[in-house]
Amino acid sequence: MSKEPRGLGKGLNALLGQANDADKLRKPVSYVNKEIMGANRQAANTADILRIPVEMIDPNPFQPRMSFDQEALNELAASISTLGLIQPVTVRRMGTDRYQIISGERRYKACRIAGMTTIPAYVRDTDDQGMLEMAIVENLQRENLDPIELAMSYQRLIDECSLTQDKLADRVGKKRATVANTLRLLKLPAKVQHDIKVGLLSTGHAKALLSIDDTATQEKLCDLVIRDGLSVRALEDMVRQILNPSEKKEEESREQTEQSLPDSYYKVLSHIGKYFSKDISLKRNQNGKGTMTIRFDSDDEIFAFLKALEEKQF
């Protein structure tokens, strides 16, 4: 007697049907470790997760992030109200009854919005330099700092922690060239930095502007990018023309010369061009004198052209 084919347990539809009510079954996360109730209670073990009263926690003065999206904070607060704080913040002791945030300031702000009276936290011992380094590196790993915030954070590490660019690159896990290019953004005018910060200008645009030393010109080009929606490539072309005005004149002259060529010259270009992948340029003055330049990618192109000449295929 053959067995009936087995289904998926009690039925996949039944399981999926229960998923709609899953949120009702979820409960806020809780921590069973020590709870600090007042000024006399200190952490005995920094590996513990402590529930610290909100009024005993101060923000991070070294916080690299200058602004927090209020809508995103409200959404996080709503999630915390429902499920609790999944990931504790990290703090350091600042005396008998004060704690200062090392990392997790966004979570801390959301907890306050959610009306929490105590916040789960790890406690670490560190000095100001260690605090600054941990705060910045933690933000680099967890937050989307805008390019200017990132550059200012790098500069603070260099200035306040006496780091070289090489040591800084090691700390943040970046190549030295990447760090150096990010720091260069701080050389741009304040107006341009603002436009990068709010997303009107990309770092590619910024890199192109850094090729120009004149502040007024940088600002004018920045305005053009925003007004006309210029791509990075278009801006690079404009910068190149500003830095090399003779190149632009030569290009215009070449275009005028090519436009005034007799039809027979175009036939020559057409015949020869069949054998080469690169463009062929031909210059001719009013007296009929000039030059023709052939660019090629490989010996094969030359051999094919030579064969055509020998076999008189022109």
C-alpha atoms as a PDB file:
ATOM      1  CA  MET A   1       0.000   0.000   0.000  1.00  0.00           C
ATOM      2  CA  SER A   2       1.558   3.229  -1.124  1.00  0.00           C
ATOM      3  CA  LYS A   3       1.882   6.099   1.272  1.00  0.00           C
ATOM      4  CA  GLU A   4       0.159   9.399   0.686  1.00  0.00           C
ATOM      5  CA  PRO A   5       2.591  12.142  -0.352  1.00  0.00           C
ATOM      6  CA  ARG A   6       3.522  14.278   2.623  1.00  0.00           C
ATOM      7  CA  GLY A   7       2.623  17.967   2.645  1.00  0.00           C
ATOM      8  CA  LEU A   8       4.360  20.849   4.353  1.00  0.00           C
ATOM      9  CA  GLY A   9       3.491  20.050   7.953  1.00  0.00           C
ATOM     10  CA  LYS A  10       0.036  21.380   8.824  1.00  0.00           C
ATOM     11  CA  GLY A  11      -0.125  23.496   5.738  1.00  0.00           C
ATOM     12  CA  LEU A  12       1.932  26.458   4.573  1.00  0.00           C
ATOM     13  CA  ASN A  13      -1.133  28.646   4.295  1.00  0.00           C
ATOM     14  CA  ALA A  14      -1.954  28.049   7.927  1.00  0.00           C
ATOM     15  CA  LEU A  15       1.537  29.112   8.973  1.00  0.00           C
ATOM     16  CA  LEU A  16       1.479  32.226   6.816  1.00  0.00           C
ATOM     17  CA  GLY A  17      -1.942  33.087   8.105  1.00  0.00           C
ATOM     18  CA  GLN A  18      -0.555  33.287  11.633  1.00  0.00           C
ATOM     19  CA  ALA A  19       2.244  35.648  10.575  1.00  0.00           C
ATOM     20  CA  ASN A  20      -0.138  38.601  10.402  1.00  0.00           C
ATOM     21  CA  ASP A  21      -0.560  38.457  14.184  1.00  0.00           C
ATOM     22  CA  ALA A  22       3.152  37.989  14.913  1.00  0.00           C
ATOM     23  CA  ASP A  23       3.620  41.557  16.172  1.00  0.00           C
ATOM     24  CA  LYS A  24       1.087  40.897  18.933  1.00  0.00           C
ATOM     25  CA  LEU A  25       3.296  38.082  20.215  1.00  0.00           C
ATOM     26  CA  ARG A  26       6.460  40.166  20.312  1.00  0.00           C
ATOM     27  CA  LYS A  27       7.563  41.646  23.612  1.00  0.00           C
ATOM     28  CA  PRO A  28      10.071  44.409  24.326  1.00  0.00           C
ATOM     29  CA  VAL A  29      13.624  43.228  24.842  1.00  0.00           C
ATOM     30  CA  SER A  30      14.666  43.149  28.478  1.00  0.00           C
ATOM     31  CA  TYR A  31      17.998  43.017  30.262  1.00  0.00           C
ATOM     32  CA  VAL A  32      18.484  41.122  33.487  1.00  0.00           C
ATOM     33  CA  ASN A  33      21.799  42.676  34.477  1.00  0.00           C
ATOM     34  CA  LYS A  34      22.401  45.246  37.162  1.00  0.00           C
ATOM     35  CA  GLU A  35      20.362  48.396  37.374  1.00  0.00           C
ATOM     36  CA  ILE A  36      21.778  51.688  38.615  1.00  0.00           C
ATOM     37  CA  MET A  37      19.201  53.314  40.845  1.00  0.00           C
ATOM     38  CA  GLY A  38      21.130  56.286  42.184  1.00  0.00           C
ATOM     39  CA  ALA A  39      24.400  58.096  42.648  1.00  0.00           C
ATOM     40  CA  ASN A  40      25.900  55.481  44.959  1.00  0.00           C
ATOM     41  CA  ARG A  41      25.458  52.558  42.575  1.00  0.00           C
ATOM     42  CA  GLN A  42      28.453  51.887  40.316  1.00  0.00           C
ATOM     43  CA  ALA A  43      29.215  49.199  37.779  1.00  0.00           C
ATOM     44  CA  ALA A  44      31.149  46.319  39.260  1.00  0.00           C
ATOM     45  CA  ASN A  45      31.901  44.756  35.909  1.00  0.00           C
ATOM     46  CA  THR A  46      32.218  46.694  32.679  1.00  0.00           C
ATOM     47  CA  ALA A  47      31.060  43.620  30.761  1.00  0.00           C
ATOM     48  CA  ASP A  48      27.626  43.971  32.390  1.00  0.00           C
ATOM     49  CA  ILE A  49      24.762  45.717  30.707  1.00  0.00           C
ATOM     50  CA  LEU A  50      23.527  48.327  33.178  1.00  0.00           C
ATOM     51  CA  ARG A  51      20.195  50.090  33.126  1.00  0.00           C
ATOM     52  CA  ILE A  52      21.164  53.681  33.816  1.00  0.00           C
ATOM     53  CA  PRO A  53      18.650  56.461  34.565  1.00  0.00           C
ATOM     54  CA  VAL A  54      18.311  58.827  31.626  1.00  0.00           C
ATOM     55  CA  GLU A  55      19.033  61.899  33.782  1.00  0.00           C
ATOM     56  CA  MET A  56      22.463  60.460  34.658  1.00  0.00           C
ATOM     57  CA  ILE A  57      23.588  60.231  31.007  1.00  0.00           C
ATOM     58  CA  ASP A  58      25.131  63.149  29.113  1.00  0.00           C
ATOM     59  CA  PRO A  59      25.527  63.442  25.318  1.00  0.00           C
ATOM     60  CA  ASN A  60      28.879  62.885  23.652  1.00  0.00           C
ATOM     61  CA  PRO A  61      30.776  66.210  23.289  1.00  0.00           C
ATOM     62  CA  PHE A  62      32.946  64.576  20.635  1.00  0.00           C
ATOM     63  CA  GLN A  63      29.965  63.522  18.520  1.00  0.00           C
ATOM     64  CA  PRO A  64      31.046  63.851  14.845  1.00  0.00           C
ATOM     65  CA  ARG A  65      27.474  63.944  13.566  1.00  0.00           C
ATOM     66  CA  MET A  66      26.193  67.503  13.576  1.00  0.00           C
ATOM     67  CA  SER A  67      22.530  66.806  12.897  1.00  0.00           C
ATOM     68  CA  PHE A  68      20.059  63.960  13.316  1.00  0.00           C
ATOM     69  CA  ASP A  69      17.094  63.337  11.053  1.00  0.00           C
ATOM     70  CA  GLN A  70      14.057  63.991  13.238  1.00  0.00           C
ATOM     71  CA  GLU A  71      11.726  61.759  11.234  1.00  0.00           C
ATOM     72  CA  ALA A  72      14.177  58.855  11.476  1.00  0.00           C
ATOM     73  CA  LEU A  73      14.528  59.472  15.228  1.00  0.00           C
ATOM     74  CA  ASN A  74      10.745  59.364  15.651  1.00  0.00           C
ATOM     75  CA  GLU A  75      10.571  56.088  13.724  1.00  0.00           C
ATOM     76  CA  LEU A  76      13.311  54.578  15.904  1.00  0.00           C
ATOM     77  CA  ALA A  77      11.528  55.837  19.026  1.00  0.00           C
ATOM     78  CA  ALA A  78       8.307  54.127  17.916  1.00  0.00           C
ATOM     79  CA  SER A  79      10.220  50.874  17.394  1.00  0.00           C
ATOM     80  CA  ILE A  80      11.861  51.177  20.822  1.00  0.00           C
ATOM     81  CA  SER A  81       8.472  51.807  22.435  1.00  0.00           C
ATOM     82  CA  THR A  82       7.243  48.530  20.950  1.00  0.00           C
ATOM     83  CA  LEU A  83      10.291  46.273  21.146  1.00  0.00           C
ATOM     84  CA  GLY A  84      12.653  48.009  23.528  1.00  0.00           C
ATOM     85  CA  LEU A  85      16.255  48.982  22.816  1.00  0.00           C
ATOM     86  CA  ILE A  86      17.767  46.002  20.995  1.00  0.00           C
ATOM     87  CA  GLN A  87      21.357  47.238  21.102  1.00  0.00           C
ATOM     88  CA  PRO A  88      22.559  49.000  24.278  1.00  0.00           C
ATOM     89  CA  VAL A  89      24.479  52.261  24.076  1.00  0.00           C
ATOM     90  CA  THR A  90      28.084  52.498  25.300  1.00  0.00           C
ATOM     91  CA  VAL A  91      29.038  55.028  27.989  1.00  0.00           C
ATOM     92  CA  ARG A  92      31.965  55.996  30.192  1.00  0.00           C
ATOM     93  CA  ARG A  93      31.928  57.008  33.866  1.00  0.00           C
ATOM     94  CA  MET A  94      32.254  60.727  34.588  1.00  0.00           C
ATOM     95  CA  GLY A  95      32.357  60.825  38.390  1.00  0.00           C
ATOM     96  CA  THR A  96      30.109  59.209  40.963  1.00  0.00           C
ATOM     97  CA  ASP A  97      26.750  59.718  39.301  1.00  0.00           C
ATOM     98  CA  ARG A  98      27.345  60.815  35.712  1.00  0.00           C
ATOM     99  CA  TYR A  99      27.872  58.866  32.489  1.00  0.00           C
ATOM    100  CA  GLN A 100      28.806  60.137  29.041  1.00  0.00           C
ATOM    101  CA  ILE A 101      27.868  58.487  25.765  1.00  0.00           C
ATOM    102  CA  ILE A 102      30.687  56.979  23.729  1.00  0.00           C
ATOM    103  CA  SER A 103      28.519  55.502  20.996  1.00  0.00           C
ATOM    104  CA  GLY A 104      24.814  55.239  20.349  1.00  0.00           C
ATOM    105  CA  GLU A 105      23.754  58.856  20.696  1.00  0.00           C
ATOM    106  CA  ARG A 106      21.044  58.365  18.071  1.00  0.00           C
ATOM    107  CA  ARG A 107      19.629  55.481  20.114  1.00  0.00           C
ATOM    108  CA  TYR A 108      19.917  57.586  23.274  1.00  0.00           C
ATOM    109  CA  LYS A 109      17.921  60.439  21.704  1.00  0.00           C
ATOM    110  CA  ALA A 110      15.274  58.014  20.452  1.00  0.00           C
ATOM    111  CA  CYS A 111      14.970  56.478  23.950  1.00  0.00           C
ATOM    112  CA  ARG A 112      14.300  59.920  25.395  1.00  0.00           C
ATOM    113  CA  ILE A 113      11.615  60.542  22.758  1.00  0.00           C
ATOM    114  CA  ALA A 114      10.107  57.156  23.608  1.00  0.00           C
ATOM    115  CA  GLY A 115       9.865  58.239  27.273  1.00  0.00           C
ATOM    116  CA  MET A 116      12.247  55.623  28.693  1.00  0.00           C
ATOM    117  CA  THR A 117      13.422  56.373  32.219  1.00  0.00           C
ATOM    118  CA  THR A 118      16.410  53.985  32.131  1.00  0.00           C
ATOM    119  CA  ILE A 119      18.622  53.016  29.194  1.00  0.00           C
ATOM    120  CA  PRO A 120      20.605  49.752  28.801  1.00  0.00           C
ATOM    121  CA  ALA A 121      24.289  50.562  28.462  1.00  0.00           C
ATOM    122  CA  TYR A 122      27.766  49.067  28.445  1.00  0.00           C
ATOM    123  CA  VAL A 123      30.284  50.946  30.613  1.00  0.00           C
ATOM    124  CA  ARG A 124      33.851  51.455  29.410  1.00  0.00           C
ATOM    125  CA  ASP A 125      36.805  53.264  30.947  1.00  0.00           C
ATOM    126  CA  THR A 126      38.557  55.641  28.550  1.00  0.00           C
ATOM    127  CA  ASP A 127      40.157  59.082  28.402  1.00  0.00           C
ATOM    128  CA  ASP A 128      39.170  61.959  26.108  1.00  0.00           C
ATOM    129  CA  GLN A 129      41.437  60.803  23.277  1.00  0.00           C
ATOM    130  CA  GLY A 130      40.109  57.266  23.429  1.00  0.00           C
ATOM    131  CA  MET A 131      36.586  58.673  23.650  1.00  0.00           C
ATOM    132  CA  LEU A 132      37.082  60.770  20.540  1.00  0.00           C
ATOM    133  CA  GLU A 133      38.613  57.920  18.568  1.00  0.00           C
ATOM    134  CA  MET A 134      35.901  55.453  19.547  1.00  0.00           C
ATOM    135  CA  ALA A 135      33.116  57.928  18.812  1.00  0.00           C
ATOM    136  CA  ILE A 136      34.405  58.733  15.346  1.00  0.00           C
ATOM    137  CA  VAL A 137      35.293  55.185  14.385  1.00  0.00           C
ATOM    138  CA  GLU A 138      31.931  53.945  15.674  1.00  0.00           C
ATOM    139  CA  ASN A 139      30.171  56.550  13.561  1.00  0.00           C
ATOM    140  CA  LEU A 140      32.209  55.598  10.525  1.00  0.00           C
ATOM    141  CA  GLN A 141      31.130  52.004  10.973  1.00  0.00           C
ATOM    142  CA  ARG A 142      27.469  52.572  11.814  1.00  0.00           C
ATOM    143  CA  GLU A 143      26.343  55.967  10.520  1.00  0.00           C
ATOM    144  CA  ASN A 144      26.244  57.577   7.095  1.00  0.00           C
ATOM    145  CA  LEU A 145      28.231  60.704   7.803  1.00  0.00           C
ATOM    146  CA  ASP A 146      28.102  63.233   4.992  1.00  0.00           C
ATOM    147  CA  PRO A 147      31.470  63.939   3.295  1.00  0.00           C
ATOM    148  CA  ILE A 148      32.057  67.181   5.218  1.00  0.00           C
ATOM    149  CA  GLU A 149      31.276  65.600   8.601  1.00  0.00           C
ATOM    150  CA  LEU A 150      33.639  62.802   7.669  1.00  0.00           C
ATOM    151  CA  ALA A 151      36.410  65.234   6.723  1.00  0.00           C
ATOM    152  CA  MET A 152      35.945  67.237   9.928  1.00  0.00           C
ATOM    153  CA  SER A 153      36.038  64.032  11.964  1.00  0.00           C
ATOM    154  CA  TYR A 154      39.312  63.044  10.328  1.00  0.00           C
ATOM    155  CA  GLN A 155      40.750  66.497  11.009  1.00  0.00           C
ATOM    156  CA  ARG A 156      39.750  66.311  14.679  1.00  0.00           C
ATOM    157  CA  LEU A 157      41.515  62.981  15.045  1.00  0.00           C
ATOM    158  CA  ILE A 158      44.652  64.507  13.506  1.00  0.00           C
ATOM    159  CA  ASP A 159      44.542  67.693  15.598  1.00  0.00           C
ATOM    160  CA  GLU A 160      43.344  66.395  18.960  1.00  0.00           C
ATOM    161  CA  CYS A 161      44.933  62.940  18.954  1.00  0.00           C
ATOM    162  CA  SER A 162      48.198  63.973  17.258  1.00  0.00           C
ATOM    163  CA  LEU A 163      47.800  61.438  14.472  1.00  0.00           C
ATOM    164  CA  THR A 164      49.529  61.509  11.113  1.00  0.00           C
ATOM    165  CA  GLN A 165      47.506  60.752   8.000  1.00  0.00           C
ATOM    166  CA  ASP A 166      49.134  57.323   7.853  1.00  0.00           C
ATOM    167  CA  LYS A 167      48.147  56.490  11.444  1.00  0.00           C
ATOM    168  CA  LEU A 168      44.686  57.912  10.870  1.00  0.00           C
ATOM    169  CA  ALA A 169      44.242  55.700   7.816  1.00  0.00           C
ATOM    170  CA  ASP A 170      45.164  52.672   9.947  1.00  0.00           C
ATOM    171  CA  ARG A 171      42.691  53.693  12.663  1.00  0.00           C
ATOM    172  CA  VAL A 172      39.732  54.039  10.304  1.00  0.00           C
ATOM    173  CA  GLY A 173      40.683  51.194   7.967  1.00  0.00           C
ATOM    174  CA  LYS A 174      41.057  53.361   4.865  1.00  0.00           C
ATOM    175  CA  LYS A 175      43.816  53.926   2.338  1.00  0.00           C
ATOM    176  CA  ARG A 176      45.957  56.979   2.986  1.00  0.00           C
ATOM    177  CA  ALA A 177      44.997  58.459  -0.386  1.00  0.00           C
ATOM    178  CA  THR A 178      41.310  58.150   0.516  1.00  0.00           C
ATOM    179  CA  VAL A 179      41.882  59.951   3.814  1.00  0.00           C
ATOM    180  CA  ALA A 180      43.938  62.674   2.111  1.00  0.00           C
ATOM    181  CA  ASN A 181      41.279  63.275  -0.558  1.00  0.00           C
ATOM    182  CA  THR A 182      38.558  63.491   2.087  1.00  0.00           C
ATOM    183  CA  LEU A 183      40.563  66.036   4.109  1.00  0.00           C
ATOM    184  CA  ARG A 184      41.015  68.174   0.989  1.00  0.00           C
ATOM    185  CA  LEU A 185      37.281  68.908   1.017  1.00  0.00           C
ATOM    186  CA  LEU A 186      37.895  71.243   3.953  1.00  0.00           C
ATOM    187  CA  LYS A 187      39.937  73.497   1.630  1.00  0.00           C
ATOM    188  CA  LEU A 188      36.800  74.352  -0.358  1.00  0.00           C
ATOM    189  CA  PRO A 189      34.850  77.561   0.382  1.00  0.00           C
ATOM    190  CA  ALA A 190      32.178  77.356   3.064  1.00  0.00           C
ATOM    191  CA  LYS A 191      29.453  77.804   0.432  1.00  0.00           C
ATOM    192  CA  VAL A 192      30.695  74.811  -1.542  1.00  0.00           C
ATOM    193  CA  GLN A 193      31.090  72.722   1.617  1.00  0.00           C
ATOM    194  CA  HIS A 194      27.483  73.475   2.487  1.00  0.00           C
ATOM    195  CA  ASP A 195      26.290  72.297  -0.940  1.00  0.00           C
ATOM    196  CA  ILE A 196      28.260  69.056  -0.535  1.00  0.00           C
ATOM    197  CA  LYS A 197      26.839  68.563   2.940  1.00  0.00           C
ATOM    198  CA  VAL A 198      23.208  68.882   1.822  1.00  0.00           C
ATOM    199  CA  GLY A 199      23.727  66.694  -1.242  1.00  0.00           C
ATOM    200  CA  LEU A 200      23.580  69.345  -3.979  1.00  0.00           C
ATOM    201  CA  LEU A 201      27.164  68.565  -4.972  1.00  0.00           C
ATOM    202  CA  SER A 202      28.848  65.154  -5.140  1.00  0.00           C
ATOM    203  CA  THR A 203      32.382  64.368  -4.031  1.00  0.00           C
ATOM    204  CA  GLY A 204      33.209  63.890  -7.714  1.00  0.00           C
ATOM    205  CA  HIS A 205      32.188  67.488  -8.383  1.00  0.00           C
ATOM    206  CA  ALA A 206      34.166  68.588  -5.333  1.00  0.00           C
ATOM    207  CA  LYS A 207      37.290  66.831  -6.589  1.00  0.00           C
ATOM    208  CA  ALA A 208      37.011  68.688  -9.892  1.00  0.00           C
ATOM    209  CA  LEU A 209      36.628  72.037  -8.097  1.00  0.00           C
ATOM    210  CA  LEU A 210      39.732  71.366  -6.010  1.00  0.00           C
ATOM    211  CA  SER A 211      41.800  71.623  -9.199  1.00  0.00           C
ATOM    212  CA  ILE A 212      41.092  75.381  -9.168  1.00  0.00           C
ATOM    213  CA  ASP A 213      42.718  77.667  -6.601  1.00  0.00           C
ATOM    214  CA  ASP A 214      40.460  80.699  -7.016  1.00  0.00           C
ATOM    215  CA  THR A 215      37.607  80.708  -4.474  1.00  0.00           C
ATOM    216  CA  ALA A 216      35.285  82.909  -6.538  1.00  0.00           C
ATOM    217  CA  THR A 217      35.649  80.635  -9.569  1.00  0.00           C
ATOM    218  CA  GLN A 218      34.957  77.562  -7.436  1.00  0.00           C
ATOM    219  CA  GLU A 219      31.745  79.142  -6.154  1.00  0.00           C
ATOM    220  CA  LYS A 220      30.598  80.180  -9.632  1.00  0.00           C
ATOM    221  CA  LEU A 221      31.177  76.694 -10.997  1.00  0.00           C
ATOM    222  CA  CYS A 222      29.345  75.247  -8.002  1.00  0.00           C
ATOM    223  CA  ASP A 223      26.346  77.467  -8.836  1.00  0.00           C
ATOM    224  CA  LEU A 224      26.463  76.303 -12.455  1.00  0.00           C
ATOM    225  CA  VAL A 225      26.431  72.648 -11.413  1.00  0.00           C
ATOM    226  CA  ILE A 226      23.367  73.191  -9.254  1.00  0.00           C
ATOM    227  CA  ARG A 227      21.528  75.412 -11.750  1.00  0.00           C
ATOM    228  CA  ASP A 228      22.169  73.338 -14.855  1.00  0.00           C
ATOM    229  CA  GLY A 229      22.495  69.890 -13.273  1.00  0.00           C
ATOM    230  CA  LEU A 230      25.984  69.437 -14.716  1.00  0.00           C
ATOM    231  CA  SER A 231      27.526  65.989 -14.537  1.00  0.00           C
ATOM    232  CA  VAL A 232      30.976  65.443 -13.068  1.00  0.00           C
ATOM    233  CA  ARG A 233      32.348  64.914 -16.591  1.00  0.00           C
ATOM    234  CA  ALA A 234      30.860  68.205 -17.806  1.00  0.00           C
ATOM    235  CA  LEU A 235      32.346  70.050 -14.849  1.00  0.00           C
ATOM    236  CA  GLU A 236      35.748  68.453 -15.437  1.00  0.00           C
ATOM    237  CA  ASP A 237      35.656  69.673 -19.040  1.00  0.00           C
ATOM    238  CA  MET A 238      34.876  73.217 -17.893  1.00  0.00           C
ATOM    239  CA  VAL A 239      37.676  73.129 -15.340  1.00  0.00           C
ATOM    240  CA  ARG A 240      40.104  71.849 -17.975  1.00  0.00           C
ATOM    241  CA  GLN A 241      39.175  74.704 -20.300  1.00  0.00           C
ATOM    242  CA  ILE A 242      39.693  77.229 -17.508  1.00  0.00           C
ATOM    243  CA  LEU A 243      43.104  75.800 -16.607  1.00  0.00           C
ATOM    244  CA  ASN A 244      44.206  75.381 -20.243  1.00  0.00           C
ATOM    245  CA  PRO A 245      42.579  78.138 -22.328  1.00  0.00           C
ATOM    246  CA  SER A 246      45.057  77.523 -25.190  1.00  0.00           C
ATOM    247  CA  GLU A 247      43.763  73.951 -25.476  1.00  0.00           C
ATOM    248  CA  LYS A 248      40.267  75.282 -26.092  1.00  0.00           C
ATOM    249  CA  LYS A 249      41.506  77.677 -28.766  1.00  0.00           C
ATOM    250  CA  GLU A 250      43.422  74.883 -30.496  1.00  0.00           C
ATOM    251  CA  GLU A 251      40.345  72.686 -30.446  1.00  0.00           C
ATOM    252  CA  GLU A 252      38.178  75.453 -31.912  1.00  0.00           C
ATOM    253  CA  SER A 253      40.813  76.157 -34.558  1.00  0.00           C
ATOM    254  CA  ARG A 254      41.027  72.470 -35.439  1.00  0.00           C
ATOM    255  CA  GLU A 255      37.263  72.251 -35.764  1.00  0.00           C
ATOM    256  CA  GLN A 256      37.190  75.284 -38.051  1.00  0.00           C
ATOM    257  CA  THR A 257      39.984  73.833 -40.175  1.00  0.00           C
ATOM    258  CA  GLU A 258      38.296  70.472 -40.479  1.00  0.00           C
ATOM    259  CA  GLN A 259      35.037  72.111 -41.437  1.00  0.00           C
ATOM    260  CA  SER A 260      36.732  73.967 -44.302  1.00  0.00           C
ATOM    261  CA  LEU A 261      38.372  70.864 -45.853  1.00  0.00           C
ATOM    262  CA  PRO A 262      37.625  70.106 -49.500  1.00  0.00           C
ATOM    263  CA  ASP A 263      35.498  67.012 -50.231  1.00  0.00           C
ATOM    264  CA  SER A 264      38.517  65.097 -51.535  1.00  0.00           C
ATOM    265  CA  TYR A 265      40.126  65.284 -48.104  1.00  0.00           C
ATOM    266  CA  TYR A 266      37.101  63.691 -46.492  1.00  0.00           C
ATOM    267  CA  LYS A 267      37.362  60.836 -48.980  1.00  0.00           C
ATOM    268  CA  VAL A 268      40.977  60.270 -47.905  1.00  0.00           C
ATOM    269  CA  LEU A 269      39.923  60.228 -44.244  1.00  0.00           C
ATOM    270  CA  SER A 270      37.101  57.823 -45.023  1.00  0.00           C
ATOM    271  CA  HIS A 271      39.291  55.353 -46.935  1.00  0.00           C
ATOM    272  CA  ILE A 272      42.128  55.309 -44.422  1.00  0.00           C
ATOM    273  CA  GLY A 273      39.810  55.350 -41.404  1.00  0.00           C
ATOM    274  CA  LYS A 274      38.492  51.895 -42.329  1.00  0.00           C
ATOM    275  CA  TYR A 275      41.746  50.338 -41.166  1.00  0.00           C
ATOM    276  CA  PHE A 276      42.157  52.124 -37.826  1.00  0.00           C
ATOM    277  CA  SER A 277      39.975  52.158 -34.713  1.00  0.00           C
ATOM    278  CA  LYS A 278      41.196  55.595 -33.615  1.00  0.00           C
ATOM    279  CA  ASP A 279      40.182  58.903 -35.153  1.00  0.00           C
ATOM    280  CA  ILE A 280      42.408  60.329 -37.852  1.00  0.00           C
ATOM    281  CA  SER A 281      43.086  64.059 -37.744  1.00  0.00           C
ATOM    282  CA  LEU A 282      43.928  66.158 -40.768  1.00  0.00           C
ATOM    283  CA  LYS A 283      44.977  69.806 -40.671  1.00  0.00           C
ATOM    284  CA  ARG A 284      45.276  72.042 -43.715  1.00  0.00           C
ATOM    285  CA  ASN A 285      45.947  75.755 -44.016  1.00  0.00           C
ATOM    286  CA  GLN A 286      44.639  78.063 -46.690  1.00  0.00           C
ATOM    287  CA  ASN A 287      47.702  77.434 -48.853  1.00  0.00           C
ATOM    288  CA  GLY A 288      47.071  73.699 -48.978  1.00  0.00           C
ATOM    289  CA  LYS A 289      49.813  72.726 -46.545  1.00  0.00           C
ATOM    290  CA  GLY A 290      49.061  70.603 -43.521  1.00  0.00           C
ATOM    291  CA  THR A 291      49.515  67.396 -41.571  1.00  0.00           C
ATOM    292  CA  MET A 292      47.633  64.128 -41.165  1.00  0.00           C
ATOM    293  CA  THR A 293      47.917  62.153 -37.922  1.00  0.00           C
ATOM    294  CA  ILE A 294      47.073  58.451 -37.739  1.00  0.00           C
ATOM    295  CA  ARG A 295      46.665  56.806 -34.324  1.00  0.00           C
ATOM    296  CA  PHE A 296      46.550  53.033 -33.995  1.00  0.00           C
ATOM    297  CA  ASP A 297      45.920  50.467 -31.256  1.00  0.00           C
ATOM    298  CA  SER A 298      48.056  47.556 -32.477  1.00  0.00           C
ATOM    299  CA  ASP A 299      50.506  46.270 -35.080  1.00  0.00           C
ATOM    300  CA  ASP A 300      47.630  44.394 -36.705  1.00  0.00           C
ATOM    301  CA  GLU A 301      46.077  47.658 -37.835  1.00  0.00           C
ATOM    302  CA  ILE A 302      49.333  48.707 -39.487  1.00  0.00           C
ATOM    303  CA  PHE A 303      49.714  45.297 -41.195  1.00  0.00           C
ATOM    304  CA  ALA A 304      46.133  45.452 -42.483  1.00  0.00           C
ATOM    305  CA  PHE A 305      46.722  48.936 -43.860  1.00  0.00           C
ATOM    306  CA  LEU A 306      50.000  47.881 -45.491  1.00  0.00           C
ATOM    307  CA  LYS A 307      48.330  44.850 -47.088  1.00  0.00           C
ATOM    308  CA  ALA A 308      45.628  47.075 -48.534  1.00  0.00           C
ATOM    309  CA  LEU A 309      48.280  49.361 -50.030  1.00  0.00           C
ATOM    310  CA  GLU A 310      50.219  46.445 -51.557  1.00  0.00           C
ATOM    311  CA  GLU A 311      47.092  44.911 -53.019  1.00  0.00           C
ATOM    312  CA  LYS A 312      45.978  48.311 -54.296  1.00  0.00           C
ATOM    313  CA  GLN A 313      42.611  48.051 -52.641  1.00  0.00           C
ATOM    314  CA  PHE A 314      42.241  51.801 -52.325  1.00  0.00           C
END
